[in-house]
Structures are given as structure tokens and as C-alpha cells.
Amino acid sequence: AVLLNDIGQAFFDSLHVKGIPLHRLIVTSVLR
């Protein structure tokens, strides 16, 4: 869960630095 949150935050940071409008990631599968 921490890894997933860190990936999402790093994605936000990278979009901001590159001047791209913010987008959220989409998770399609988790615990089965």
C-alpha cells in the first residue's frame, strides 16, 4: 500500500515538474 501511494505521489510530482496537468493513476486489480 505504501509503494502504491509513493508511485502515485511521484507521478503527480513528475507531471507538475514537466508542466503537465495532473492526472490520477487507475488501479485495475489488487488482492484476489
PDB file of all heavy atoms in Angstrom:
ATOM      1  N   ALA A   1       0.829  -1.204   0.000  1.00  0.00           N
ATOM      2  CA  ALA A   1       0.000   0.000   0.000  1.00  0.00           C
ATOM      3  C   ALA A   1       0.867   1.260   0.000  1.00  0.00           C
ATOM      4  O   ALA A   1       0.563   2.240  -0.686  1.00  0.00           O
ATOM      5  CB  ALA A   1      -0.933  -0.006   1.203  1.00  0.00           C
ATOM      6  N   VAL A   2       1.959   1.243   0.753  1.00  0.00           N
ATOM      7  CA  VAL A   2       2.892   2.379   0.780  1.00  0.00           C
ATOM      8  C   VAL A   2       3.542   2.556  -0.593  1.00  0.00           C
ATOM      9  O   VAL A   2       3.688   3.677  -1.088  1.00  0.00           O
ATOM     10  CB  VAL A   2       3.959   2.174   1.869  1.00  0.00           C
ATOM     11  CG1 VAL A   2       5.069   3.223   1.742  1.00  0.00           C
ATOM     12  CG2 VAL A   2       3.336   2.249   3.260  1.00  0.00           C
ATOM     13  N   LEU A   3       3.924   1.437  -1.216  1.00  0.00           N
ATOM     14  CA  LEU A   3       4.525   1.503  -2.550  1.00  0.00           C
ATOM     15  C   LEU A   3       3.572   2.141  -3.542  1.00  0.00           C
ATOM     16  O   LEU A   3       3.960   3.047  -4.302  1.00  0.00           O
ATOM     17  CB  LEU A   3       4.909   0.103  -3.025  1.00  0.00           C
ATOM     18  CG  LEU A   3       5.339  -0.009  -4.489  1.00  0.00           C
ATOM     19  CD1 LEU A   3       6.649   0.732  -4.727  1.00  0.00           C
ATOM     20  CD2 LEU A   3       5.467  -1.480  -4.909  1.00  0.00           C
ATOM     21  N   LEU A   4       2.336   1.694  -3.563  1.00  0.00           N
ATOM     22  CA  LEU A   4       1.349   2.238  -4.488  1.00  0.00           C
ATOM     23  C   LEU A   4       1.143   3.734  -4.255  1.00  0.00           C
ATOM     24  O   LEU A   4       1.086   4.522  -5.211  1.00  0.00           O
ATOM     25  CB  LEU A   4       0.023   1.495  -4.330  1.00  0.00           C
ATOM     26  CG  LEU A   4      -1.161   2.017  -5.154  1.00  0.00           C
ATOM     27  CD1 LEU A   4      -0.834   2.046  -6.641  1.00  0.00           C
ATOM     28  CD2 LEU A   4      -2.399   1.154  -4.898  1.00  0.00           C
ATOM     29  N   ASN A   5       1.054   4.135  -3.006  1.00  0.00           N
ATOM     30  CA  ASN A   5       0.881   5.553  -2.694  1.00  0.00           C
ATOM     31  C   ASN A   5       2.086   6.374  -3.147  1.00  0.00           C
ATOM     32  O   ASN A   5       1.947   7.478  -3.685  1.00  0.00           O
ATOM     33  CB  ASN A   5       0.665   5.730  -1.198  1.00  0.00           C
ATOM     34  CG  ASN A   5       0.124   7.097  -0.844  1.00  0.00           C
ATOM     35  OD1 ASN A   5      -1.042   7.393  -1.075  1.00  0.00           O
ATOM     36  ND2 ASN A   5       0.979   7.947  -0.274  1.00  0.00           N
ATOM     37  N   ASP A   6       3.290   5.833  -2.946  1.00  0.00           N
ATOM     38  CA  ASP A   6       4.512   6.535  -3.356  1.00  0.00           C
ATOM     39  C   ASP A   6       4.589   6.669  -4.877  1.00  0.00           C
ATOM     40  O   ASP A   6       5.055   7.689  -5.401  1.00  0.00           O
ATOM     41  CB  ASP A   6       5.747   5.798  -2.830  1.00  0.00           C
ATOM     42  CG  ASP A   6       5.923   5.947  -1.332  1.00  0.00           C
ATOM     43  OD1 ASP A   6       5.204   6.771  -0.723  1.00  0.00           O
ATOM     44  OD2 ASP A   6       6.769   5.227  -0.748  1.00  0.00           O
ATOM     45  N   ILE A   7       4.147   5.636  -5.592  1.00  0.00           N
ATOM     46  CA  ILE A   7       4.129   5.708  -7.052  1.00  0.00           C
ATOM     47  C   ILE A   7       3.186   6.813  -7.507  1.00  0.00           C
ATOM     48  O   ILE A   7       3.515   7.623  -8.376  1.00  0.00           O
ATOM     49  CB  ILE A   7       3.705   4.353  -7.659  1.00  0.00           C
ATOM     50  CG1 ILE A   7       4.821   3.317  -7.463  1.00  0.00           C
ATOM     51  CG2 ILE A   7       3.382   4.500  -9.145  1.00  0.00           C
ATOM     52  CD1 ILE A   7       4.421   1.911  -7.871  1.00  0.00           C
ATOM     53  N   GLY A   8       1.991   6.862  -6.907  1.00  0.00           N
ATOM     54  CA  GLY A   8       1.032   7.894  -7.273  1.00  0.00           C
ATOM     55  C   GLY A   8       1.542   9.287  -6.976  1.00  0.00           C
ATOM     56  O   GLY A   8       1.382  10.214  -7.789  1.00  0.00           O
ATOM     57  N   GLN A   9       2.196   9.469  -5.829  1.00  0.00           N
ATOM     58  CA  GLN A   9       2.731  10.782  -5.470  1.00  0.00           C
ATOM     59  C   GLN A   9       3.876  11.178  -6.395  1.00  0.00           C
ATOM     60  O   GLN A   9       3.976  12.338  -6.820  1.00  0.00           O
ATOM     61  CB  GLN A   9       3.193  10.780  -4.016  1.00  0.00           C
ATOM     62  CG  GLN A   9       3.642  12.140  -3.517  1.00  0.00           C
ATOM     63  CD  GLN A   9       3.941  12.149  -2.026  1.00  0.00           C
ATOM     64  OE1 GLN A   9       3.881  11.121  -1.360  1.00  0.00           O
ATOM     65  NE2 GLN A   9       4.255  13.317  -1.492  1.00  0.00           N
ATOM     66  N   ALA A  10       4.751  10.229  -6.706  1.00  0.00           N
ATOM     67  CA  ALA A  10       5.863  10.518  -7.614  1.00  0.00           C
ATOM     68  C   ALA A  10       5.350  10.870  -9.010  1.00  0.00           C
ATOM     69  O   ALA A  10       5.929  11.721  -9.701  1.00  0.00           O
ATOM     70  CB  ALA A  10       6.806   9.313  -7.684  1.00  0.00           C
ATOM     71  N   PHE A  11       4.271  10.223  -9.437  1.00  0.00           N
ATOM     72  CA  PHE A  11       3.657  10.532 -10.733  1.00  0.00           C
ATOM     73  C   PHE A  11       3.134  11.970 -10.732  1.00  0.00           C
ATOM     74  O   PHE A  11       3.352  12.719 -11.686  1.00  0.00           O
ATOM     75  CB  PHE A  11       2.535   9.538 -11.006  1.00  0.00           C
ATOM     76  CG  PHE A  11       1.877   9.694 -12.351  1.00  0.00           C
ATOM     77  CD1 PHE A  11       2.594   9.511 -13.518  1.00  0.00           C
ATOM     78  CD2 PHE A  11       0.536  10.015 -12.444  1.00  0.00           C
ATOM     79  CE1 PHE A  11       1.988   9.645 -14.774  1.00  0.00           C
ATOM     80  CE2 PHE A  11      -0.085  10.148 -13.679  1.00  0.00           C
ATOM     81  CZ  PHE A  11       0.644   9.962 -14.843  1.00  0.00           C
ATOM     82  N   PHE A  12       2.461  12.371  -9.659  1.00  0.00           N
ATOM     83  CA  PHE A  12       1.994  13.755  -9.519  1.00  0.00           C
ATOM     84  C   PHE A  12       3.166  14.731  -9.607  1.00  0.00           C
ATOM     85  O   PHE A  12       3.115  15.732 -10.324  1.00  0.00           O
ATOM     86  CB  PHE A  12       1.284  13.932  -8.178  1.00  0.00           C
ATOM     87  CG  PHE A  12      -0.213  13.840  -8.248  1.00  0.00           C
ATOM     88  CD1 PHE A  12      -0.835  12.982  -9.142  1.00  0.00           C
ATOM     89  CD2 PHE A  12      -1.011  14.600  -7.417  1.00  0.00           C
ATOM     90  CE1 PHE A  12      -2.213  12.890  -9.213  1.00  0.00           C
ATOM     91  CE2 PHE A  12      -2.392  14.524  -7.474  1.00  0.00           C
ATOM     92  CZ  PHE A  12      -3.000  13.666  -8.378  1.00  0.00           C
ATOM     93  N   ASP A  13       4.216  14.444  -8.844  1.00  0.00           N
ATOM     94  CA  ASP A  13       5.379  15.337  -8.814  1.00  0.00           C
ATOM     95  C   ASP A  13       6.005  15.474 -10.202  1.00  0.00           C
ATOM     96  O   ASP A  13       6.389  16.575 -10.617  1.00  0.00           O
ATOM     97  CB  ASP A  13       6.428  14.810  -7.829  1.00  0.00           C
ATOM     98  CG  ASP A  13       5.965  14.901  -6.382  1.00  0.00           C
ATOM     99  OD1 ASP A  13       4.981  15.625  -6.120  1.00  0.00           O
ATOM    100  OD2 ASP A  13       6.569  14.235  -5.510  1.00  0.00           O
ATOM    101  N   SER A  14       6.104  14.363 -10.908  1.00  0.00           N
ATOM    102  CA  SER A  14       6.719  14.382 -12.232  1.00  0.00           C
ATOM    103  C   SER A  14       5.871  15.179 -13.221  1.00  0.00           C
ATOM    104  O   SER A  14       6.399  15.958 -14.025  1.00  0.00           O
ATOM    105  CB  SER A  14       6.919  12.950 -12.741  1.00  0.00           C
ATOM    106  OG  SER A  14       7.664  12.939 -13.931  1.00  0.00           O
ATOM    107  N   LEU A  15       4.554  15.010 -13.153  1.00  0.00           N
ATOM    108  CA  LEU A  15       3.671  15.782 -14.028  1.00  0.00           C
ATOM    109  C   LEU A  15       3.808  17.275 -13.747  1.00  0.00           C
ATOM    110  O   LEU A  15       3.862  18.101 -14.669  1.00  0.00           O
ATOM    111  CB  LEU A  15       2.216  15.352 -13.822  1.00  0.00           C
ATOM    112  CG  LEU A  15       1.829  13.943 -14.288  1.00  0.00           C
ATOM    113  CD1 LEU A  15       0.385  13.646 -13.923  1.00  0.00           C
ATOM    114  CD2 LEU A  15       2.039  13.776 -15.791  1.00  0.00           C
ATOM    115  N   HIS A  16       3.876  17.624 -12.466  1.00  0.00           N
ATOM    116  CA  HIS A  16       3.989  19.042 -12.088  1.00  0.00           C
ATOM    117  C   HIS A  16       5.291  19.637 -12.614  1.00  0.00           C
ATOM    118  O   HIS A  16       5.299  20.743 -13.171  1.00  0.00           O
ATOM    119  CB  HIS A  16       3.920  19.169 -10.565  1.00  0.00           C
ATOM    120  CG  HIS A  16       4.113  20.572 -10.073  1.00  0.00           C
ATOM    121  ND1 HIS A  16       3.167  21.561 -10.246  1.00  0.00           N
ATOM    122  CD2 HIS A  16       5.153  21.160  -9.421  1.00  0.00           C
ATOM    123  CE1 HIS A  16       3.617  22.691  -9.730  1.00  0.00           C
ATOM    124  NE2 HIS A  16       4.814  22.475  -9.224  1.00  0.00           N
ATOM    125  N   VAL A  17       6.390  18.921 -12.450  1.00  0.00           N
ATOM    126  CA  VAL A  17       7.696  19.420 -12.893  1.00  0.00           C
ATOM    127  C   VAL A  17       7.719  19.608 -14.409  1.00  0.00           C
ATOM    128  O   VAL A  17       8.312  20.555 -14.926  1.00  0.00           O
ATOM    129  CB  VAL A  17       8.810  18.451 -12.452  1.00  0.00           C
ATOM    130  CG1 VAL A  17      10.121  18.770 -13.152  1.00  0.00           C
ATOM    131  CG2 VAL A  17       9.007  18.518 -10.949  1.00  0.00           C
ATOM    132  N   LYS A  18       7.040  18.730 -15.130  1.00  0.00           N
ATOM    133  CA  LYS A  18       7.050  18.795 -16.593  1.00  0.00           C
ATOM    134  C   LYS A  18       5.960  19.718 -17.147  1.00  0.00           C
ATOM    135  O   LYS A  18       5.811  19.849 -18.362  1.00  0.00           O
ATOM    136  CB  LYS A  18       6.894  17.383 -17.163  1.00  0.00           C
ATOM    137  CG  LYS A  18       8.025  16.441 -16.796  1.00  0.00           C
ATOM    138  CD  LYS A  18       7.769  15.038 -17.304  1.00  0.00           C
ATOM    139  CE  LYS A  18       8.783  14.045 -16.751  1.00  0.00           C
ATOM    140  NZ  LYS A  18      10.159  14.344 -17.138  1.00  0.00           N
ATOM    141  N   GLY A  19       5.177  20.325 -16.242  1.00  0.00           N
ATOM    142  CA  GLY A  19       4.156  21.252 -16.702  1.00  0.00           C
ATOM    143  C   GLY A  19       2.952  20.596 -17.336  1.00  0.00           C
ATOM    144  O   GLY A  19       2.291  21.195 -18.190  1.00  0.00           O
ATOM    145  N   ILE A  20       2.649  19.374 -16.927  1.00  0.00           N
ATOM    146  CA  ILE A  20       1.520  18.628 -17.481  1.00  0.00           C
ATOM    147  C   ILE A  20       0.375  18.645 -16.471  1.00  0.00           C
ATOM    148  O   ILE A  20       0.604  18.448 -15.272  1.00  0.00           O
ATOM    149  CB  ILE A  20       1.925  17.170 -17.776  1.00  0.00           C
ATOM    150  CG1 ILE A  20       3.119  17.139 -18.736  1.00  0.00           C
ATOM    151  CG2 ILE A  20       0.752  16.386 -18.353  1.00  0.00           C
ATOM    152  CD1 ILE A  20       3.682  15.757 -18.969  1.00  0.00           C
ATOM    153  N   PRO A  21      -0.864  18.866 -16.911  1.00  0.00           N
ATOM    154  CA  PRO A  21      -1.995  18.832 -15.979  1.00  0.00           C
ATOM    155  C   PRO A  21      -2.031  17.522 -15.191  1.00  0.00           C
ATOM    156  O   PRO A  21      -1.731  16.449 -15.731  1.00  0.00           O
ATOM    157  CB  PRO A  21      -3.215  18.954 -16.904  1.00  0.00           C
ATOM    158  CG  PRO A  21      -2.697  19.706 -18.090  1.00  0.00           C
ATOM    159  CD  PRO A  21      -1.281  19.239 -18.276  1.00  0.00           C
ATOM    160  N   LEU A  22      -2.411  17.612 -13.919  1.00  0.00           N
ATOM    161  CA  LEU A  22      -2.388  16.440 -13.056  1.00  0.00           C
ATOM    162  C   LEU A  22      -3.432  15.405 -13.479  1.00  0.00           C
ATOM    163  O   LEU A  22      -4.554  15.742 -13.842  1.00  0.00           O
ATOM    164  CB  LEU A  22      -2.640  16.853 -11.600  1.00  0.00           C
ATOM    165  CG  LEU A  22      -1.584  17.754 -10.957  1.00  0.00           C
ATOM    166  CD1 LEU A  22      -1.947  18.034  -9.505  1.00  0.00           C
ATOM    167  CD2 LEU A  22      -0.194  17.140 -11.051  1.00  0.00           C
ATOM    168  N   HIS A  23      -3.026  14.138 -13.410  1.00  0.00           N
ATOM    169  CA  HIS A  23      -3.902  13.002 -13.671  1.00  0.00           C
ATOM    170  C   HIS A  23      -3.659  11.943 -12.605  1.00  0.00           C
ATOM    171  O   HIS A  23      -2.519  11.760 -12.160  1.00  0.00           O
ATOM    172  CB  HIS A  23      -3.624  12.390 -15.047  1.00  0.00           C
ATOM    173  CG  HIS A  23      -4.083  13.233 -16.197  1.00  0.00           C
ATOM    174  ND1 HIS A  23      -3.468  14.415 -16.535  1.00  0.00           N
ATOM    175  CD2 HIS A  23      -5.109  13.062 -17.073  1.00  0.00           C
ATOM    176  CE1 HIS A  23      -4.083  14.929 -17.599  1.00  0.00           C
ATOM    177  NE2 HIS A  23      -5.085  14.135 -17.926  1.00  0.00           N
ATOM    178  N   ARG A  24      -4.712  11.258 -12.221  1.00  0.00           N
ATOM    179  CA  ARG A  24      -4.567  10.152 -11.277  1.00  0.00           C
ATOM    180  C   ARG A  24      -4.390   8.840 -12.027  1.00  0.00           C
ATOM    181  O   ARG A  24      -4.978   8.630 -13.091  1.00  0.00           O
ATOM    182  CB  ARG A  24      -5.789  10.058 -10.367  1.00  0.00           C
ATOM    183  CG  ARG A  24      -5.883  11.177  -9.353  1.00  0.00           C
ATOM    184  CD  ARG A  24      -6.875  10.832  -8.244  1.00  0.00           C
ATOM    185  NE  ARG A  24      -8.236  10.702  -8.734  1.00  0.00           N
ATOM    186  CZ  ARG A  24      -9.222  10.130  -8.053  1.00  0.00           C
ATOM    187  NH1 ARG A  24      -8.980   9.610  -6.859  1.00  0.00           N
ATOM    188  NH2 ARG A  24     -10.435  10.070  -8.556  1.00  0.00           N
ATOM    189  N   LEU A  25      -3.605   7.957 -11.447  1.00  0.00           N
ATOM    190  CA  LEU A  25      -3.439   6.615 -11.993  1.00  0.00           C
ATOM    191  C   LEU A  25      -4.711   5.809 -11.762  1.00  0.00           C
ATOM    192  O   LEU A  25      -5.506   6.113 -10.874  1.00  0.00           O
ATOM    193  CB  LEU A  25      -2.257   5.916 -11.321  1.00  0.00           C
ATOM    194  CG  LEU A  25      -0.900   6.623 -11.432  1.00  0.00           C
ATOM    195  CD1 LEU A  25       0.134   5.903 -10.593  1.00  0.00           C
ATOM    196  CD2 LEU A  25      -0.459   6.700 -12.886  1.00  0.00           C
ATOM    197  N   ILE A  26      -4.895   4.758 -12.552  1.00  0.00           N
ATOM    198  CA  ILE A  26      -6.049   3.875 -12.402  1.00  0.00           C
ATOM    199  C   ILE A  26      -5.555   2.472 -12.054  1.00  0.00           C
ATOM    200  O   ILE A  26      -4.792   1.866 -12.808  1.00  0.00           O
ATOM    201  CB  ILE A  26      -6.900   3.835 -13.677  1.00  0.00           C
ATOM    202  CG1 ILE A  26      -7.485   5.225 -13.962  1.00  0.00           C
ATOM    203  CG2 ILE A  26      -8.016   2.805 -13.550  1.00  0.00           C
ATOM    204  CD1 ILE A  26      -8.316   5.293 -15.228  1.00  0.00           C
ATOM    205  N   VAL A  27      -5.972   1.981 -10.900  1.00  0.00           N
ATOM    206  CA  VAL A  27      -5.630   0.628 -10.446  1.00  0.00           C
ATOM    207  C   VAL A  27      -6.741  -0.315 -10.887  1.00  0.00           C
ATOM    208  O   VAL A  27      -7.924  -0.065 -10.606  1.00  0.00           O
ATOM    209  CB  VAL A  27      -5.466   0.589  -8.914  1.00  0.00           C
ATOM    210  CG1 VAL A  27      -5.117  -0.818  -8.452  1.00  0.00           C
ATOM    211  CG2 VAL A  27      -4.389   1.576  -8.470  1.00  0.00           C
ATOM    212  N   THR A  28      -6.385  -1.395 -11.572  1.00  0.00           N
ATOM    213  CA  THR A  28      -7.396  -2.288 -12.145  1.00  0.00           C
ATOM    214  C   THR A  28      -7.515  -3.624 -11.429  1.00  0.00           C
ATOM    215  O   THR A  28      -8.514  -4.320 -11.602  1.00  0.00           O
ATOM    216  CB  THR A  28      -7.087  -2.557 -13.628  1.00  0.00           C
ATOM    217  OG1 THR A  28      -5.762  -3.104 -13.747  1.00  0.00           O
ATOM    218  CG2 THR A  28      -7.167  -1.265 -14.430  1.00  0.00           C
ATOM    219  N   SER A  29      -6.519  -3.999 -10.635  1.00  0.00           N
ATOM    220  CA  SER A  29      -6.593  -5.276  -9.925  1.00  0.00           C
ATOM    221  C   SER A  29      -5.720  -5.216  -8.681  1.00  0.00           C
ATOM    222  O   SER A  29      -4.623  -4.645  -8.709  1.00  0.00           O
ATOM    223  CB  SER A  29      -6.134  -6.429 -10.829  1.00  0.00           C
ATOM    224  OG  SER A  29      -6.316  -7.666 -10.184  1.00  0.00           O
ATOM    225  N   VAL A  30      -6.225  -5.832  -7.581  1.00  0.00           N
ATOM    226  CA  VAL A  30      -5.481  -5.798  -6.312  1.00  0.00           C
ATOM    227  C   VAL A  30      -5.464  -7.215  -5.724  1.00  0.00           C
ATOM    228  O   VAL A  30      -5.079  -8.161  -6.418  1.00  0.00           O
ATOM    229  CB  VAL A  30      -6.112  -4.777  -5.332  1.00  0.00           C
ATOM    230  CG1 VAL A  30      -5.054  -4.283  -4.345  1.00  0.00           C
ATOM    231  CG2 VAL A  30      -6.674  -3.558  -6.053  1.00  0.00           C
ATOM    232  N   LEU A  31      -5.889  -7.364  -4.494  1.00  0.00           N
ATOM    233  CA  LEU A  31      -5.891  -8.671  -3.833  1.00  0.00           C
ATOM    234  C   LEU A  31      -6.990  -9.566  -4.403  1.00  0.00           C
ATOM    235  O   LEU A  31      -8.151  -9.160  -4.505  1.00  0.00           O
ATOM    236  CB  LEU A  31      -6.113  -8.485  -2.332  1.00  0.00           C
ATOM    237  CG  LEU A  31      -6.374  -9.753  -1.515  1.00  0.00           C
ATOM    238  CD1 LEU A  31      -5.133 -10.619  -1.451  1.00  0.00           C
ATOM    239  CD2 LEU A  31      -6.868  -9.403  -0.125  1.00  0.00           C
ATOM    240  N   ARG A  32      -6.628 -10.798  -4.753  1.00  0.00           N
ATOM    241  CA  ARG A  32      -7.614 -11.776  -5.216  1.00  0.00           C
ATOM    242  C   ARG A  32      -7.734 -12.910  -4.198  1.00  0.00           C
ATOM    243  O   ARG A  32      -6.727 -13.425  -3.718  1.00  0.00           O
ATOM    244  CB  ARG A  32      -7.218 -12.351  -6.579  1.00  0.00           C
ATOM    245  CG  ARG A  32      -7.369 -11.370  -7.720  1.00  0.00           C
ATOM    246  CD  ARG A  32      -6.941 -11.972  -9.036  1.00  0.00           C
ATOM    247  NE  ARG A  32      -6.933 -10.973 -10.101  1.00  0.00           N
ATOM    248  CZ  ARG A  32      -6.229 -11.077 -11.216  1.00  0.00           C
ATOM    249  NH1 ARG A  32      -5.473 -12.139 -11.428  1.00  0.00           N
ATOM    250  NH2 ARG A  32      -6.280 -10.127 -12.126  1.00  0.00           N
TER     251      ARG A  32
END
